[in-house]
Amino acid sequence: MSANLRNDLMNDYLKITKFAVQSYISGVEKMRIGFVSRANTKDNENHIINGFLDTETDQILSLTNFNKINAYEKFF
């Protein structure tokens, strides 16, 4: 797992967990996570794609310590 993903997991834990759980419940096996940054710090419309990471949905859920058994109860 890349350092960028670990850093984003710490900063946006709930958001990434929500996306992973939605993917898991809908039956998606792989997720593609993109990393972008602003082209200019003062411009909020233009971005640069830094890269992306293909990963298994189960791997993201294990990193977030999410219990798959309770997935349907907590999000629906």
PDB file of N, CA and C in Angstrom:
ATOM      1  N   MET A   1       0.850  -1.175   0.000  1.00  0.00           N
ATOM      2  CA  MET A   1       0.000   0.000   0.000  1.00  0.00           C
ATOM      3  C   MET A   1       0.895   1.238   0.000  1.00  0.00           C
ATOM      4  N   SER A   2       0.504   2.216  -0.746  1.00  0.00           N
ATOM      5  CA  SER A   2       1.348   3.402  -0.879  1.00  0.00           C
ATOM      6  C   SER A   2       1.244   4.313   0.343  1.00  0.00           C
ATOM      7  N   ALA A   3       2.232   5.163   0.497  1.00  0.00           N
ATOM      8  CA  ALA A   3       2.242   6.111   1.620  1.00  0.00           C
ATOM      9  C   ALA A   3       1.115   7.128   1.477  1.00  0.00           C
ATOM     10  N   ASN A   4       0.771   7.500   0.230  1.00  0.00           N
ATOM     11  CA  ASN A   4      -0.320   8.452   0.019  1.00  0.00           C
ATOM     12  C   ASN A   4      -1.641   7.900   0.536  1.00  0.00           C
ATOM     13  N   LEU A   5      -1.893   6.617   0.268  1.00  0.00           N
ATOM     14  CA  LEU A   5      -3.147   6.018   0.725  1.00  0.00           C
ATOM     15  C   LEU A   5      -3.190   5.946   2.244  1.00  0.00           C
ATOM     16  N   ARG A   6      -2.083   5.592   2.857  1.00  0.00           N
ATOM     17  CA  ARG A   6      -2.051   5.540   4.327  1.00  0.00           C
ATOM     18  C   ARG A   6      -2.319   6.926   4.932  1.00  0.00           C
ATOM     19  N   ASN A   7      -1.735   7.961   4.336  1.00  0.00           N
ATOM     20  CA  ASN A   7      -1.946   9.321   4.818  1.00  0.00           C
ATOM     21  C   ASN A   7      -3.405   9.734   4.635  1.00  0.00           C
ATOM     22  N   ASP A   8      -3.976   9.412   3.469  1.00  0.00           N
ATOM     23  CA  ASP A   8      -5.382   9.743   3.225  1.00  0.00           C
ATOM     24  C   ASP A   8      -6.307   8.949   4.140  1.00  0.00           C
ATOM     25  N   LEU A   9      -5.943   7.727   4.465  1.00  0.00           N
ATOM     26  CA  LEU A   9      -6.750   6.942   5.403  1.00  0.00           C
ATOM     27  C   LEU A   9      -6.811   7.610   6.768  1.00  0.00           C
ATOM     28  N   MET A  10      -5.690   8.173   7.188  1.00  0.00           N
ATOM     29  CA  MET A  10      -5.684   8.849   8.482  1.00  0.00           C
ATOM     30  C   MET A  10      -6.511  10.134   8.440  1.00  0.00           C
ATOM     31  N   ASN A  11      -6.433  10.871   7.331  1.00  0.00           N
ATOM     32  CA  ASN A  11      -7.121  12.159   7.241  1.00  0.00           C
ATOM     33  C   ASN A  11      -8.605  12.032   6.914  1.00  0.00           C
ATOM     34  N   ASP A  12      -8.959  11.089   6.057  1.00  0.00           N
ATOM     35  CA  ASP A  12     -10.342  10.944   5.585  1.00  0.00           C
ATOM     36  C   ASP A  12     -10.863   9.539   5.864  1.00  0.00           C
ATOM     37  N   TYR A  13     -10.683   9.072   7.071  1.00  0.00           N
ATOM     38  CA  TYR A  13     -11.021   7.707   7.459  1.00  0.00           C
ATOM     39  C   TYR A  13     -12.475   7.355   7.155  1.00  0.00           C
ATOM     40  N   LEU A  14     -13.400   8.172   7.601  1.00  0.00           N
ATOM     41  CA  LEU A  14     -14.818   7.855   7.425  1.00  0.00           C
ATOM     42  C   LEU A  14     -15.253   7.917   5.970  1.00  0.00           C
ATOM     43  N   LYS A  15     -14.723   8.859   5.221  1.00  0.00           N
ATOM     44  CA  LYS A  15     -15.092   8.992   3.809  1.00  0.00           C
ATOM     45  C   LYS A  15     -14.618   7.778   3.007  1.00  0.00           C
ATOM     46  N   ILE A  16     -13.387   7.345   3.220  1.00  0.00           N
ATOM     47  CA  ILE A  16     -12.850   6.197   2.497  1.00  0.00           C
ATOM     48  C   ILE A  16     -13.561   4.923   2.932  1.00  0.00           C
ATOM     49  N   THR A  17     -13.877   4.790   4.219  1.00  0.00           N
ATOM     50  CA  THR A  17     -14.616   3.629   4.694  1.00  0.00           C
ATOM     51  C   THR A  17     -15.998   3.578   4.065  1.00  0.00           C
ATOM     52  N   LYS A  18     -16.664   4.711   3.951  1.00  0.00           N
ATOM     53  CA  LYS A  18     -17.989   4.764   3.333  1.00  0.00           C
ATOM     54  C   LYS A  18     -17.925   4.289   1.888  1.00  0.00           C
ATOM     55  N   PHE A  19     -16.943   4.767   1.112  1.00  0.00           N
ATOM     56  CA  PHE A  19     -16.798   4.342  -0.279  1.00  0.00           C
ATOM     57  C   PHE A  19     -16.502   2.852  -0.372  1.00  0.00           C
ATOM     58  N   ALA A  20     -15.644   2.343   0.511  1.00  0.00           N
ATOM     59  CA  ALA A  20     -15.291   0.921   0.493  1.00  0.00           C
ATOM     60  C   ALA A  20     -16.484   0.051   0.853  1.00  0.00           C
ATOM     61  N   VAL A  21     -17.277   0.464   1.833  1.00  0.00           N
ATOM     62  CA  VAL A  21     -18.455  -0.310   2.231  1.00  0.00           C
ATOM     63  C   VAL A  21     -19.497  -0.308   1.129  1.00  0.00           C
ATOM     64  N   GLN A  22     -19.713   0.829   0.486  1.00  0.00           N
ATOM     65  CA  GLN A  22     -20.651   0.891  -0.627  1.00  0.00           C
ATOM     66  C   GLN A  22     -20.197  -0.024  -1.758  1.00  0.00           C
ATOM     67  N   SER A  23     -18.911  -0.076  -2.017  1.00  0.00           N
ATOM     68  CA  SER A  23     -18.373  -0.961  -3.052  1.00  0.00           C
ATOM     69  C   SER A  23     -18.555  -2.420  -2.656  1.00  0.00           C
ATOM     70  N   TYR A  24     -18.295  -2.734  -1.397  1.00  0.00           N
ATOM     71  CA  TYR A  24     -18.429  -4.104  -0.907  1.00  0.00           C
ATOM     72  C   TYR A  24     -19.874  -4.587  -1.010  1.00  0.00           C
ATOM     73  N   ILE A  25     -20.812  -3.755  -0.573  1.00  0.00           N
ATOM     74  CA  ILE A  25     -22.223  -4.141  -0.586  1.00  0.00           C
ATOM     75  C   ILE A  25     -22.741  -4.311  -2.014  1.00  0.00           C
ATOM     76  N   SER A  26     -22.250  -3.492  -2.942  1.00  0.00           N
ATOM     77  CA  SER A  26     -22.717  -3.596  -4.321  1.00  0.00           C
ATOM     78  C   SER A  26     -21.988  -4.698  -5.098  1.00  0.00           C
ATOM     79  N   GLY A  27     -21.013  -5.356  -4.480  1.00  0.00           N
ATOM     80  CA  GLY A  27     -20.348  -6.487  -5.112  1.00  0.00           C
ATOM     81  C   GLY A  27     -19.114  -6.136  -5.922  1.00  0.00           C
ATOM     82  N   VAL A  28     -18.592  -4.938  -5.768  1.00  0.00           N
ATOM     83  CA  VAL A  28     -17.390  -4.530  -6.497  1.00  0.00           C
ATOM     84  C   VAL A  28     -16.173  -5.169  -5.835  1.00  0.00           C
ATOM     85  N   GLU A  29     -15.329  -5.797  -6.637  1.00  0.00           N
ATOM     86  CA  GLU A  29     -14.154  -6.475  -6.090  1.00  0.00           C
ATOM     87  C   GLU A  29     -12.918  -5.586  -6.038  1.00  0.00           C
ATOM     88  N   LYS A  30     -12.802  -4.648  -6.992  1.00  0.00           N
ATOM     89  CA  LYS A  30     -11.624  -3.780  -7.038  1.00  0.00           C
ATOM     90  C   LYS A  30     -12.040  -2.321  -7.067  1.00  0.00           C
ATOM     91  N   MET A  31     -11.221  -1.496  -6.449  1.00  0.00           N
ATOM     92  CA  MET A  31     -11.448  -0.055  -6.428  1.00  0.00           C
ATOM     93  C   MET A  31     -10.239   0.636  -7.056  1.00  0.00           C
ATOM     94  N   ARG A  32     -10.497   1.736  -7.735  1.00  0.00           N
ATOM     95  CA  ARG A  32      -9.417   2.569  -8.268  1.00  0.00           C
ATOM     96  C   ARG A  32      -9.488   3.901  -7.534  1.00  0.00           C
ATOM     97  N   ILE A  33      -8.436   4.209  -6.813  1.00  0.00           N
ATOM     98  CA  ILE A  33      -8.382   5.432  -6.026  1.00  0.00           C
ATOM     99  C   ILE A  33      -7.437   6.404  -6.723  1.00  0.00           C
ATOM    100  N   GLY A  34      -7.919   7.615  -7.005  1.00  0.00           N
ATOM    101  CA  GLY A  34      -7.106   8.619  -7.679  1.00  0.00           C
ATOM    102  C   GLY A  34      -6.594   9.665  -6.713  1.00  0.00           C
ATOM    103  N   PHE A  35      -5.394  10.140  -6.985  1.00  0.00           N
ATOM    104  CA  PHE A  35      -4.775  11.184  -6.171  1.00  0.00           C
ATOM    105  C   PHE A  35      -4.582  12.413  -7.040  1.00  0.00           C
ATOM    106  N   VAL A  36      -5.181  13.514  -6.640  1.00  0.00           N
ATOM    107  CA  VAL A  36      -5.096  14.755  -7.411  1.00  0.00           C
ATOM    108  C   VAL A  36      -4.625  15.885  -6.510  1.00  0.00           C
ATOM    109  N   SER A  37      -4.089  16.911  -7.134  1.00  0.00           N
ATOM    110  CA  SER A  37      -3.714  18.123  -6.402  1.00  0.00           C
ATOM    111  C   SER A  37      -4.057  19.318  -7.275  1.00  0.00           C
ATOM    112  N   ARG A  38      -4.133  20.461  -6.666  1.00  0.00           N
ATOM    113  CA  ARG A  38      -4.439  21.678  -7.413  1.00  0.00           C
ATOM    114  C   ARG A  38      -3.238  22.096  -8.254  1.00  0.00           C
ATOM    115  N   ALA A  39      -3.525  22.574  -9.465  1.00  0.00           N
ATOM    116  CA  ALA A  39      -2.454  23.065 -10.330  1.00  0.00           C
ATOM    117  C   ALA A  39      -1.827  24.321  -9.731  1.00  0.00           C
ATOM    118  N   ASN A  40      -2.657  25.153  -9.123  1.00  0.00           N
ATOM    119  CA  ASN A  40      -2.214  26.363  -8.445  1.00  0.00           C
ATOM    120  C   ASN A  40      -2.978  26.408  -7.128  1.00  0.00           C
ATOM    121  N   THR A  41      -2.326  26.755  -6.057  1.00  0.00           N
ATOM    122  CA  THR A  41      -2.981  26.713  -4.750  1.00  0.00           C
ATOM    123  C   THR A  41      -4.171  27.656  -4.643  1.00  0.00           C
ATOM    124  N   LYS A  42      -4.214  28.700  -5.455  1.00  0.00           N
ATOM    125  CA  LYS A  42      -5.317  29.663  -5.398  1.00  0.00           C
ATOM    126  C   LYS A  42      -6.420  29.360  -6.407  1.00  0.00           C
ATOM    127  N   ASP A  43      -6.201  28.384  -7.284  1.00  0.00           N
ATOM    128  CA  ASP A  43      -7.174  28.042  -8.315  1.00  0.00           C
ATOM    129  C   ASP A  43      -7.865  26.739  -7.937  1.00  0.00           C
ATOM    130  N   ASN A  44      -9.177  26.794  -7.679  1.00  0.00           N
ATOM    131  CA  ASN A  44      -9.888  25.599  -7.254  1.00  0.00           C
ATOM    132  C   ASN A  44     -10.554  24.844  -8.406  1.00  0.00           C
ATOM    133  N   GLU A  45     -10.296  25.238  -9.649  1.00  0.00           N
ATOM    134  CA  GLU A  45     -10.913  24.573 -10.790  1.00  0.00           C
ATOM    135  C   GLU A  45      -9.956  23.685 -11.575  1.00  0.00           C
ATOM    136  N   ASN A  46      -8.676  23.965 -11.581  1.00  0.00           N
ATOM    137  CA  ASN A  46      -7.703  23.201 -12.358  1.00  0.00           C
ATOM    138  C   ASN A  46      -6.898  22.287 -11.439  1.00  0.00           C
ATOM    139  N   HIS A  47      -6.861  21.004 -11.812  1.00  0.00           N
ATOM    140  CA  HIS A  47      -6.179  20.011 -10.994  1.00  0.00           C
ATOM    141  C   HIS A  47      -5.206  19.198 -11.841  1.00  0.00           C
ATOM    142  N   ILE A  48      -4.270  18.565 -11.156  1.00  0.00           N
ATOM    143  CA  ILE A  48      -3.294  17.685 -11.782  1.00  0.00           C
ATOM    144  C   ILE A  48      -3.494  16.289 -11.201  1.00  0.00           C
ATOM    145  N   ILE A  49      -3.547  15.282 -12.058  1.00  0.00           N
ATOM    146  CA  ILE A  49      -3.658  13.901 -11.588  1.00  0.00           C
ATOM    147  C   ILE A  49      -2.256  13.421 -11.228  1.00  0.00           C
ATOM    148  N   ASN A  50      -2.062  13.104  -9.959  1.00  0.00           N
ATOM    149  CA  ASN A  50      -0.757  12.633  -9.490  1.00  0.00           C
ATOM    150  C   ASN A  50      -0.574  11.146  -9.720  1.00  0.00           C
ATOM    151  N   GLY A  51      -1.656  10.424  -9.770  1.00  0.00           N
ATOM    152  CA  GLY A  51      -1.583   8.982  -9.975  1.00  0.00           C
ATOM    153  C   GLY A  51      -2.835   8.312  -9.460  1.00  0.00           C
ATOM    154  N   PHE A  52      -2.869   6.999  -9.606  1.00  0.00           N
ATOM    155  CA  PHE A  52      -4.004   6.242  -9.090  1.00  0.00           C
ATOM    156  C   PHE A  52      -3.508   4.896  -8.600  1.00  0.00           C
ATOM    157  N   LEU A  53      -4.348   4.254  -7.820  1.00  0.00           N
ATOM    158  CA  LEU A  53      -4.001   2.982  -7.209  1.00  0.00           C
ATOM    159  C   LEU A  53      -5.171   2.038  -7.377  1.00  0.00           C
ATOM    160  N   ASP A  54      -4.920   0.867  -7.957  1.00  0.00           N
ATOM    161  CA  ASP A  54      -5.922  -0.187  -8.039  1.00  0.00           C
ATOM    162  C   ASP A  54      -5.731  -1.098  -6.849  1.00  0.00           C
ATOM    163  N   THR A  55      -6.801  -1.354  -6.124  1.00  0.00           N
ATOM    164  CA  THR A  55      -6.702  -2.187  -4.934  1.00  0.00           C
ATOM    165  C   THR A  55      -7.982  -2.985  -4.747  1.00  0.00           C
ATOM    166  N   GLU A  56      -7.897  -4.024  -3.970  1.00  0.00           N
ATOM    167  CA  GLU A  56      -9.058  -4.855  -3.648  1.00  0.00           C
ATOM    168  C   GLU A  56      -9.909  -4.140  -2.603  1.00  0.00           C
ATOM    169  N   THR A  57     -11.213  -4.279  -2.735  1.00  0.00           N
ATOM    170  CA  THR A  57     -12.130  -3.678  -1.758  1.00  0.00           C
ATOM    171  C   THR A  57     -11.886  -4.270  -0.371  1.00  0.00           C
ATOM    172  N   ASP A  58     -11.640  -5.574  -0.297  1.00  0.00           N
ATOM    173  CA  ASP A  58     -11.382  -6.215   0.993  1.00  0.00           C
ATOM    174  C   ASP A  58     -10.127  -5.660   1.666  1.00  0.00           C
ATOM    175  N   GLN A  59      -9.135  -5.296   0.867  1.00  0.00           N
ATOM    176  CA  GLN A  59      -7.897  -4.749   1.426  1.00  0.00           C
ATOM    177  C   GLN A  59      -8.143  -3.387   2.072  1.00  0.00           C
ATOM    178  N   ILE A  60      -8.949  -2.549   1.432  1.00  0.00           N
ATOM    179  CA  ILE A  60      -9.279  -1.245   2.013  1.00  0.00           C
ATOM    180  C   ILE A  60     -10.075  -1.436   3.299  1.00  0.00           C
ATOM    181  N   LEU A  61     -11.031  -2.356   3.286  1.00  0.00           N
ATOM    182  CA  LEU A  61     -11.833  -2.593   4.483  1.00  0.00           C
ATOM    183  C   LEU A  61     -10.984  -3.134   5.632  1.00  0.00           C
ATOM    184  N   SER A  62      -9.999  -3.960   5.334  1.00  0.00           N
ATOM    185  CA  SER A  62      -9.139  -4.467   6.405  1.00  0.00           C
ATOM    186  C   SER A  62      -8.255  -3.358   6.976  1.00  0.00           C
ATOM    187  N   LEU A  63      -7.839  -2.403   6.131  1.00  0.00           N
ATOM    188  CA  LEU A  63      -7.046  -1.277   6.630  1.00  0.00           C
ATOM    189  C   LEU A  63      -7.856  -0.365   7.546  1.00  0.00           C
ATOM    190  N   THR A  64      -9.157  -0.278   7.299  1.00  0.00           N
ATOM    191  CA  THR A  64      -9.997   0.593   8.117  1.00  0.00           C
ATOM    192  C   THR A  64     -10.606  -0.143   9.310  1.00  0.00           C
ATOM    193  N   ASN A  65     -10.239  -1.438   9.491  1.00  0.00           N
ATOM    194  CA  ASN A  65     -10.744  -2.259  10.602  1.00  0.00           C
ATOM    195  C   ASN A  65     -12.266  -2.320  10.624  1.00  0.00           C
ATOM    196  N   PHE A  66     -12.860  -2.416   9.462  1.00  0.00           N
ATOM    197  CA  PHE A  66     -14.316  -2.446   9.369  1.00  0.00           C
ATOM    198  C   PHE A  66     -14.818  -3.877   9.481  1.00  0.00           C
ATOM    199  N   ASN A  67     -15.874  -4.087  10.260  1.00  0.00           N
ATOM    200  CA  ASN A  67     -16.482  -5.390  10.448  1.00  0.00           C
ATOM    201  C   ASN A  67     -17.540  -5.597   9.361  1.00  0.00           C
ATOM    202  N   LYS A  68     -17.298  -6.515   8.433  1.00  0.00           N
ATOM    203  CA  LYS A  68     -18.201  -6.730   7.307  1.00  0.00           C
ATOM    204  C   LYS A  68     -19.576  -7.254   7.735  1.00  0.00           C
ATOM    205  N   ILE A  69     -19.647  -7.920   8.839  1.00  0.00           N
ATOM    206  CA  ILE A  69     -20.909  -8.491   9.309  1.00  0.00           C
ATOM    207  C   ILE A  69     -21.931  -7.390   9.615  1.00  0.00           C
ATOM    208  N   ASN A  70     -21.471  -6.271  10.145  1.00  0.00           N
ATOM    209  CA  ASN A  70     -22.365  -5.176  10.512  1.00  0.00           C
ATOM    210  C   ASN A  70     -22.555  -4.147   9.406  1.00  0.00           C
ATOM    211  N   ALA A  71     -22.062  -4.405   8.210  1.00  0.00           N
ATOM    212  CA  ALA A  71     -22.096  -3.434   7.134  1.00  0.00           C
ATOM    213  C   ALA A  71     -23.520  -3.007   6.786  1.00  0.00           C
ATOM    214  N   TYR A  72     -24.436  -3.935   6.735  1.00  0.00           N
ATOM    215  CA  TYR A  72     -25.790  -3.616   6.329  1.00  0.00           C
ATOM    216  C   TYR A  72     -26.537  -2.847   7.418  1.00  0.00           C
ATOM    217  N   GLU A  73     -26.198  -3.060   8.656  1.00  0.00           N
ATOM    218  CA  GLU A  73     -26.863  -2.381   9.770  1.00  0.00           C
ATOM    219  C   GLU A  73     -26.437  -0.921   9.892  1.00  0.00           C
ATOM    220  N   LYS A  74     -25.160  -0.639   9.698  1.00  0.00           N
ATOM    221  CA  LYS A  74     -24.633   0.693   9.976  1.00  0.00           C
ATOM    222  C   LYS A  74     -24.882   1.705   8.865  1.00  0.00           C
ATOM    223  N   PHE A  75     -24.942   1.254   7.626  1.00  0.00           N
ATOM    224  CA  PHE A  75     -25.035   2.196   6.524  1.00  0.00           C
ATOM    225  C   PHE A  75     -26.390   2.232   5.863  1.00  0.00           C
ATOM    226  N   PHE A  76     -27.322   1.359   6.265  1.00  0.00           N
ATOM    227  CA  PHE A  76     -28.648   1.388   5.647  1.00  0.00           C
ATOM    228  C   PHE A  76     -29.728   1.364   6.667  1.00  0.00           C
TER     229      PHE A  76
END
